[in-house]
N, C-alpha and C. Protein backbone atom coordinates (compact mmCIF):
# COMPACT_ATOMS: atom_id res chain seq x y z
N MET A 1 0.85 -1.16 0.00
CA MET A 1 0.00 0.00 0.00
C MET A 1 0.90 1.23 0.00
N SER A 2 0.63 2.16 -0.90
CA SER A 2 1.43 3.37 -1.00
C SER A 2 0.49 4.57 -1.04
N VAL A 3 0.85 5.61 -0.31
CA VAL A 3 0.04 6.82 -0.30
C VAL A 3 0.93 8.03 -0.54
N ASN A 4 0.36 9.07 -1.14
CA ASN A 4 1.08 10.31 -1.38
C ASN A 4 0.61 11.36 -0.39
N VAL A 5 1.53 12.15 0.13
CA VAL A 5 1.21 13.19 1.08
C VAL A 5 1.59 14.53 0.48
N THR A 6 0.67 15.47 0.48
CA THR A 6 0.99 16.84 0.08
C THR A 6 0.87 17.71 1.33
N ASN A 7 0.03 18.73 1.34
CA ASN A 7 -0.09 19.63 2.48
C ASN A 7 -0.99 19.11 3.60
N ASN A 8 -1.90 18.24 3.32
CA ASN A 8 -2.87 17.79 4.30
C ASN A 8 -2.47 16.46 4.90
N TYR A 9 -3.00 16.20 6.08
CA TYR A 9 -2.76 14.87 6.65
C TYR A 9 -3.64 13.88 5.92
N ILE A 10 -3.29 12.63 6.02
CA ILE A 10 -4.08 11.60 5.38
C ILE A 10 -4.59 10.63 6.43
N VAL A 11 -5.68 9.97 6.11
CA VAL A 11 -6.23 8.93 6.97
C VAL A 11 -5.82 7.60 6.35
N LEU A 12 -5.19 6.78 7.14
CA LEU A 12 -4.70 5.49 6.67
C LEU A 12 -5.09 4.42 7.67
N ASN A 13 -5.98 3.54 7.26
CA ASN A 13 -6.39 2.44 8.11
C ASN A 13 -5.68 1.18 7.63
N ALA A 14 -5.19 0.39 8.58
CA ALA A 14 -4.42 -0.81 8.23
C ALA A 14 -4.87 -1.98 9.10
N GLU A 15 -4.64 -3.18 8.60
CA GLU A 15 -4.93 -4.40 9.34
C GLU A 15 -3.73 -5.31 9.30
N VAL A 16 -3.53 -6.03 10.39
CA VAL A 16 -2.46 -7.01 10.46
C VAL A 16 -2.89 -8.13 11.42
N PHE A 17 -2.54 -9.35 11.10
CA PHE A 17 -2.79 -10.46 12.02
C PHE A 17 -1.73 -10.45 13.11
N GLU A 18 -2.14 -10.76 14.34
CA GLU A 18 -1.18 -10.83 15.43
C GLU A 18 -0.07 -11.81 15.03
N GLY A 19 1.16 -11.43 15.28
CA GLY A 19 2.29 -12.28 14.94
C GLY A 19 2.79 -12.11 13.51
N ASP A 20 2.15 -11.26 12.71
CA ASP A 20 2.62 -10.99 11.36
C ASP A 20 3.35 -9.65 11.32
N THR A 21 4.17 -9.45 10.32
CA THR A 21 4.88 -8.20 10.12
C THR A 21 4.05 -7.27 9.25
N LEU A 22 3.96 -6.01 9.65
CA LEU A 22 3.30 -5.00 8.84
C LEU A 22 4.40 -4.16 8.20
N ASN A 23 4.59 -4.34 6.90
CA ASN A 23 5.68 -3.63 6.22
C ASN A 23 5.29 -3.12 4.84
N ASP A 24 3.98 -2.94 4.62
CA ASP A 24 3.56 -2.52 3.29
C ASP A 24 2.91 -1.14 3.27
N VAL A 25 3.07 -0.37 4.35
CA VAL A 25 2.55 0.99 4.37
C VAL A 25 3.71 1.93 4.04
N ILE A 26 3.76 2.33 2.78
CA ILE A 26 4.84 3.16 2.26
C ILE A 26 4.26 4.54 1.94
N ILE A 27 4.87 5.57 2.47
CA ILE A 27 4.35 6.93 2.30
C ILE A 27 5.32 7.73 1.46
N GLN A 28 4.81 8.27 0.36
CA GLN A 28 5.63 9.09 -0.53
C GLN A 28 5.21 10.55 -0.39
N PHE A 29 6.19 11.43 -0.17
CA PHE A 29 5.93 12.86 0.03
C PHE A 29 6.14 13.63 -1.26
N LYS A 30 5.18 14.53 -1.54
CA LYS A 30 5.26 15.39 -2.72
C LYS A 30 4.94 16.82 -2.32
N ASP A 31 5.47 17.77 -3.09
CA ASP A 31 5.16 19.18 -2.82
C ASP A 31 3.87 19.57 -3.56
N GLU A 32 3.52 20.85 -3.49
CA GLU A 32 2.28 21.34 -4.09
C GLU A 32 2.23 21.09 -5.60
N ALA A 33 3.37 21.05 -6.25
CA ALA A 33 3.43 20.81 -7.69
C ALA A 33 3.46 19.32 -8.02
N GLU A 34 3.28 18.47 -6.98
CA GLU A 34 3.30 17.02 -7.14
C GLU A 34 4.68 16.47 -7.47
N ASP A 35 5.72 17.26 -7.19
CA ASP A 35 7.09 16.79 -7.36
C ASP A 35 7.55 16.13 -6.07
N PRO A 36 8.47 15.17 -6.13
CA PRO A 36 8.97 14.51 -4.92
C PRO A 36 9.53 15.53 -3.93
N TYR A 37 9.23 15.34 -2.64
CA TYR A 37 9.66 16.24 -1.59
C TYR A 37 10.73 15.55 -0.75
N ASP A 38 11.90 16.16 -0.63
CA ASP A 38 13.03 15.56 0.08
C ASP A 38 12.77 15.56 1.59
N ILE A 39 12.72 14.36 2.18
CA ILE A 39 12.48 14.22 3.62
C ILE A 39 13.73 13.75 4.36
N SER A 40 14.87 13.73 3.69
CA SER A 40 16.08 13.15 4.28
C SER A 40 16.50 13.81 5.59
N GLY A 41 16.25 15.11 5.76
CA GLY A 41 16.66 15.80 6.97
C GLY A 41 15.57 15.94 8.02
N LEU A 42 14.44 15.27 7.82
CA LEU A 42 13.30 15.41 8.73
C LEU A 42 13.18 14.20 9.65
N ASP A 43 12.64 14.42 10.84
CA ASP A 43 12.44 13.35 11.82
C ASP A 43 10.97 12.98 11.91
N PHE A 44 10.69 11.70 11.84
CA PHE A 44 9.32 11.19 11.93
C PHE A 44 9.21 10.22 13.10
N TYR A 45 8.05 10.24 13.75
CA TYR A 45 7.75 9.35 14.87
C TYR A 45 6.46 8.61 14.55
N TYR A 46 6.42 7.34 14.97
CA TYR A 46 5.23 6.51 14.74
C TYR A 46 4.72 6.02 16.08
N THR A 47 3.41 6.19 16.32
CA THR A 47 2.82 5.72 17.56
C THR A 47 1.59 4.87 17.29
N VAL A 48 1.37 3.91 18.18
CA VAL A 48 0.14 3.12 18.22
C VAL A 48 -0.42 3.29 19.62
N LYS A 49 -1.68 3.75 19.69
CA LYS A 49 -2.29 4.07 20.98
C LYS A 49 -3.64 3.36 21.13
N ARG A 50 -4.00 3.12 22.39
CA ARG A 50 -5.32 2.56 22.67
C ARG A 50 -6.41 3.59 22.39
N ASP A 51 -6.16 4.83 22.78
CA ASP A 51 -7.11 5.92 22.61
C ASP A 51 -6.40 7.06 21.88
N ILE A 52 -7.08 7.68 20.95
CA ILE A 52 -6.48 8.73 20.15
C ILE A 52 -5.99 9.90 21.00
N GLN A 53 -6.60 10.10 22.17
CA GLN A 53 -6.23 11.20 23.06
C GLN A 53 -5.04 10.87 23.97
N ASP A 54 -4.58 9.62 23.97
CA ASP A 54 -3.44 9.25 24.81
C ASP A 54 -2.20 10.06 24.42
N ALA A 55 -1.40 10.37 25.41
CA ALA A 55 -0.12 11.05 25.14
C ALA A 55 0.80 10.09 24.39
N ASP A 56 1.71 10.65 23.60
CA ASP A 56 2.67 9.82 22.88
C ASP A 56 3.46 8.93 23.84
N SER A 57 3.76 9.45 25.02
CA SER A 57 4.52 8.67 26.00
C SER A 57 3.74 7.47 26.52
N ASP A 58 2.42 7.47 26.35
CA ASP A 58 1.58 6.34 26.78
C ASP A 58 1.28 5.37 25.65
N ALA A 59 1.86 5.58 24.48
CA ALA A 59 1.60 4.71 23.33
C ALA A 59 2.08 3.29 23.62
N ILE A 60 1.38 2.30 23.07
CA ILE A 60 1.81 0.92 23.27
C ILE A 60 2.94 0.55 22.32
N ILE A 61 3.06 1.29 21.23
CA ILE A 61 4.23 1.20 20.35
C ILE A 61 4.63 2.64 20.06
N ASN A 62 5.91 2.92 20.22
CA ASN A 62 6.42 4.27 20.03
C ASN A 62 7.75 4.14 19.29
N LYS A 63 7.76 4.53 18.02
CA LYS A 63 8.97 4.39 17.20
C LYS A 63 9.60 5.76 16.95
N ALA A 64 10.89 5.80 17.09
CA ALA A 64 11.68 7.02 16.93
C ALA A 64 12.16 7.16 15.48
N PRO A 65 12.73 8.33 15.13
CA PRO A 65 13.20 8.54 13.76
C PRO A 65 14.17 7.46 13.26
N GLY A 66 15.00 6.94 14.13
CA GLY A 66 15.95 5.91 13.72
C GLY A 66 15.30 4.60 13.33
N ASP A 67 14.02 4.43 13.67
CA ASP A 67 13.29 3.21 13.32
C ASP A 67 12.67 3.28 11.92
N ALA A 68 12.72 4.46 11.31
CA ALA A 68 12.12 4.65 9.99
C ALA A 68 13.12 4.34 8.89
N THR A 69 12.59 3.88 7.77
CA THR A 69 13.39 3.69 6.57
C THR A 69 12.97 4.77 5.58
N LYS A 70 13.95 5.56 5.12
CA LYS A 70 13.70 6.60 4.12
C LYS A 70 14.42 6.19 2.85
N THR A 71 13.72 6.25 1.73
CA THR A 71 14.31 5.82 0.46
C THR A 71 13.92 6.77 -0.67
N ASP A 72 14.56 6.55 -1.80
CA ASP A 72 14.27 7.27 -3.03
C ASP A 72 13.26 6.43 -3.81
N SER A 73 12.14 7.05 -4.18
CA SER A 73 11.11 6.32 -4.93
C SER A 73 11.49 6.12 -6.40
N GLY A 74 12.66 6.63 -6.76
CA GLY A 74 13.11 6.53 -8.15
C GLY A 74 13.16 7.87 -8.83
N ALA A 75 12.82 8.92 -8.09
CA ALA A 75 12.78 10.26 -8.66
C ALA A 75 14.07 11.04 -8.41
N GLY A 76 15.04 10.42 -7.74
CA GLY A 76 16.31 11.08 -7.50
C GLY A 76 16.40 11.84 -6.20
N THR A 77 15.40 11.68 -5.32
CA THR A 77 15.42 12.34 -4.01
C THR A 77 14.82 11.41 -2.97
N VAL A 78 15.22 11.57 -1.72
CA VAL A 78 14.70 10.74 -0.63
C VAL A 78 13.31 11.29 -0.29
N ASP A 79 12.27 10.59 -0.75
CA ASP A 79 10.90 11.08 -0.60
C ASP A 79 9.92 10.04 -0.06
N THR A 80 10.43 8.89 0.35
CA THR A 80 9.56 7.79 0.76
C THR A 80 9.89 7.34 2.17
N LEU A 81 8.85 7.10 2.97
CA LEU A 81 8.99 6.74 4.39
C LEU A 81 8.31 5.41 4.67
N LEU A 82 8.95 4.59 5.49
CA LEU A 82 8.39 3.30 5.88
C LEU A 82 8.74 3.03 7.34
N PHE A 83 7.71 2.73 8.13
CA PHE A 83 7.89 2.19 9.47
C PHE A 83 7.40 0.76 9.43
N ILE A 84 8.14 -0.16 10.03
CA ILE A 84 7.75 -1.57 10.05
C ILE A 84 7.35 -1.97 11.46
N LEU A 85 6.22 -2.69 11.55
CA LEU A 85 5.86 -3.34 12.81
C LEU A 85 6.28 -4.79 12.68
N SER A 86 7.15 -5.22 13.58
CA SER A 86 7.67 -6.58 13.51
C SER A 86 6.64 -7.60 13.98
N ALA A 87 6.88 -8.84 13.66
CA ALA A 87 6.01 -9.92 14.12
C ALA A 87 5.95 -9.95 15.65
N ALA A 88 7.08 -9.71 16.31
CA ALA A 88 7.10 -9.69 17.78
C ALA A 88 6.24 -8.55 18.32
N GLU A 89 6.26 -7.40 17.66
CA GLU A 89 5.45 -6.26 18.11
C GLU A 89 3.96 -6.53 17.95
N THR A 90 3.55 -7.11 16.83
CA THR A 90 2.12 -7.37 16.64
C THR A 90 1.66 -8.55 17.49
N GLU A 91 2.57 -9.45 17.81
CA GLU A 91 2.24 -10.58 18.70
C GLU A 91 1.97 -10.08 20.12
N ALA A 92 2.66 -9.02 20.51
CA ALA A 92 2.55 -8.50 21.87
C ALA A 92 1.31 -7.64 22.08
N ILE A 93 0.59 -7.32 21.02
CA ILE A 93 -0.61 -6.49 21.12
C ILE A 93 -1.85 -7.38 21.11
N TYR A 94 -2.73 -7.15 22.05
CA TYR A 94 -3.99 -7.89 22.09
C TYR A 94 -4.82 -7.52 20.86
N PRO A 95 -5.42 -8.51 20.18
CA PRO A 95 -6.24 -8.20 19.01
C PRO A 95 -7.34 -7.19 19.36
N ASN A 96 -7.33 -6.08 18.64
CA ASN A 96 -8.25 -4.98 18.89
C ASN A 96 -8.02 -3.92 17.82
N THR A 97 -8.77 -2.85 17.86
CA THR A 97 -8.55 -1.72 16.96
C THR A 97 -7.88 -0.60 17.75
N TYR A 98 -6.77 -0.13 17.23
CA TYR A 98 -5.97 0.91 17.87
C TYR A 98 -5.90 2.13 16.95
N HIS A 99 -5.34 3.20 17.46
CA HIS A 99 -5.13 4.41 16.67
C HIS A 99 -3.63 4.55 16.42
N HIS A 100 -3.27 4.82 15.18
CA HIS A 100 -1.85 5.02 14.88
C HIS A 100 -1.66 6.34 14.15
N ALA A 101 -0.44 6.87 14.27
CA ALA A 101 -0.15 8.17 13.66
C ALA A 101 1.34 8.26 13.34
N ILE A 102 1.63 9.06 12.33
CA ILE A 102 3.02 9.41 12.01
C ILE A 102 3.12 10.92 12.13
N LYS A 103 4.06 11.35 12.96
CA LYS A 103 4.24 12.76 13.25
C LYS A 103 5.61 13.22 12.78
N LEU A 104 5.64 14.39 12.17
CA LEU A 104 6.88 15.04 11.76
C LEU A 104 7.28 16.00 12.87
N VAL A 105 8.52 15.92 13.31
CA VAL A 105 9.05 16.87 14.28
C VAL A 105 10.29 17.49 13.66
N ASN A 106 10.26 18.81 13.48
CA ASN A 106 11.37 19.53 12.87
C ASN A 106 11.65 20.75 13.75
N GLY A 107 12.58 20.60 14.68
CA GLY A 107 12.84 21.67 15.65
C GLY A 107 11.65 21.81 16.57
N SER A 108 11.06 22.99 16.63
CA SER A 108 9.91 23.21 17.50
C SER A 108 8.58 22.96 16.78
N VAL A 109 8.65 22.60 15.51
CA VAL A 109 7.44 22.35 14.72
C VAL A 109 7.08 20.87 14.78
N GLU A 110 5.83 20.58 15.18
CA GLU A 110 5.31 19.22 15.17
C GLU A 110 4.07 19.20 14.30
N ARG A 111 3.99 18.21 13.42
CA ARG A 111 2.82 18.08 12.56
C ARG A 111 2.51 16.61 12.35
N THR A 112 1.26 16.25 12.58
CA THR A 112 0.82 14.89 12.32
C THR A 112 0.44 14.78 10.85
N TRP A 113 1.10 13.86 10.15
CA TRP A 113 0.86 13.68 8.72
C TRP A 113 -0.11 12.54 8.43
N VAL A 114 -0.05 11.51 9.24
CA VAL A 114 -0.85 10.32 8.99
C VAL A 114 -1.59 9.94 10.27
N VAL A 115 -2.89 9.72 10.16
CA VAL A 115 -3.69 9.22 11.28
C VAL A 115 -4.59 8.11 10.75
N GLY A 116 -5.05 7.27 11.65
CA GLY A 116 -5.96 6.21 11.24
C GLY A 116 -6.04 5.13 12.28
N THR A 117 -6.64 4.03 11.87
CA THR A 117 -6.77 2.90 12.78
C THR A 117 -5.85 1.77 12.34
N LEU A 118 -5.40 1.04 13.33
CA LEU A 118 -4.63 -0.18 13.10
C LEU A 118 -5.41 -1.30 13.76
N LYS A 119 -5.92 -2.18 12.95
CA LYS A 119 -6.71 -3.30 13.46
C LYS A 119 -5.81 -4.53 13.53
N VAL A 120 -5.59 -5.01 14.75
CA VAL A 120 -4.81 -6.23 14.96
C VAL A 120 -5.82 -7.36 15.06
N LEU A 121 -5.73 -8.29 14.11
CA LEU A 121 -6.68 -9.40 14.01
C LEU A 121 -6.13 -10.63 14.70
N GLN A 122 -7.03 -11.35 15.35
CA GLN A 122 -6.63 -12.61 16.00
C GLN A 122 -6.32 -13.64 14.92
N ARG A 123 -5.21 -14.32 15.13
CA ARG A 123 -4.82 -15.36 14.18
C ARG A 123 -5.79 -16.53 14.30
N ARG A 124 -6.30 -16.95 13.18
CA ARG A 124 -7.23 -18.07 13.16
C ARG A 124 -6.45 -19.37 13.26
N ILE A 125 -6.88 -20.21 14.16
CA ILE A 125 -6.21 -21.50 14.33
C ILE A 125 -7.15 -22.58 13.84
N ASP A 126 -6.71 -23.27 12.81
CA ASP A 126 -7.51 -24.38 12.28
C ASP A 126 -7.17 -25.64 13.04
N THR A 127 -8.21 -26.39 13.39
CA THR A 127 -7.98 -27.68 14.05
C THR A 127 -8.27 -28.79 13.06
N VAL A 128 -7.57 -29.85 13.22
CA VAL A 128 -7.72 -30.97 12.29
C VAL A 128 -8.56 -32.02 12.90
């Protein structure tokens, strides 16, 4: 799944089975002219919360800028962002619907770019 971000935040809802890796939410940044926007010098944070009003420090998953992967989408500039939830992280979360967000922090400026729900699904166990 890939989404483009311009000036507005986007709503992104995702689902993952407990114990699976979530690694297909790729966010590409573009400027007002729809040209790739260089994010190489920017810091992004990813949170998963029980309640949307919870403080970031109370998030059940809290990822720092070093946890993000930034790449070139092929346009010659670093314009693509990816945070991965590992199998261990999704296994540790009780199946439920949570709120997740990606926030840009640049000095004293904070801006939430991505908001939505993260639905952790219970793994179905087939019996023979």
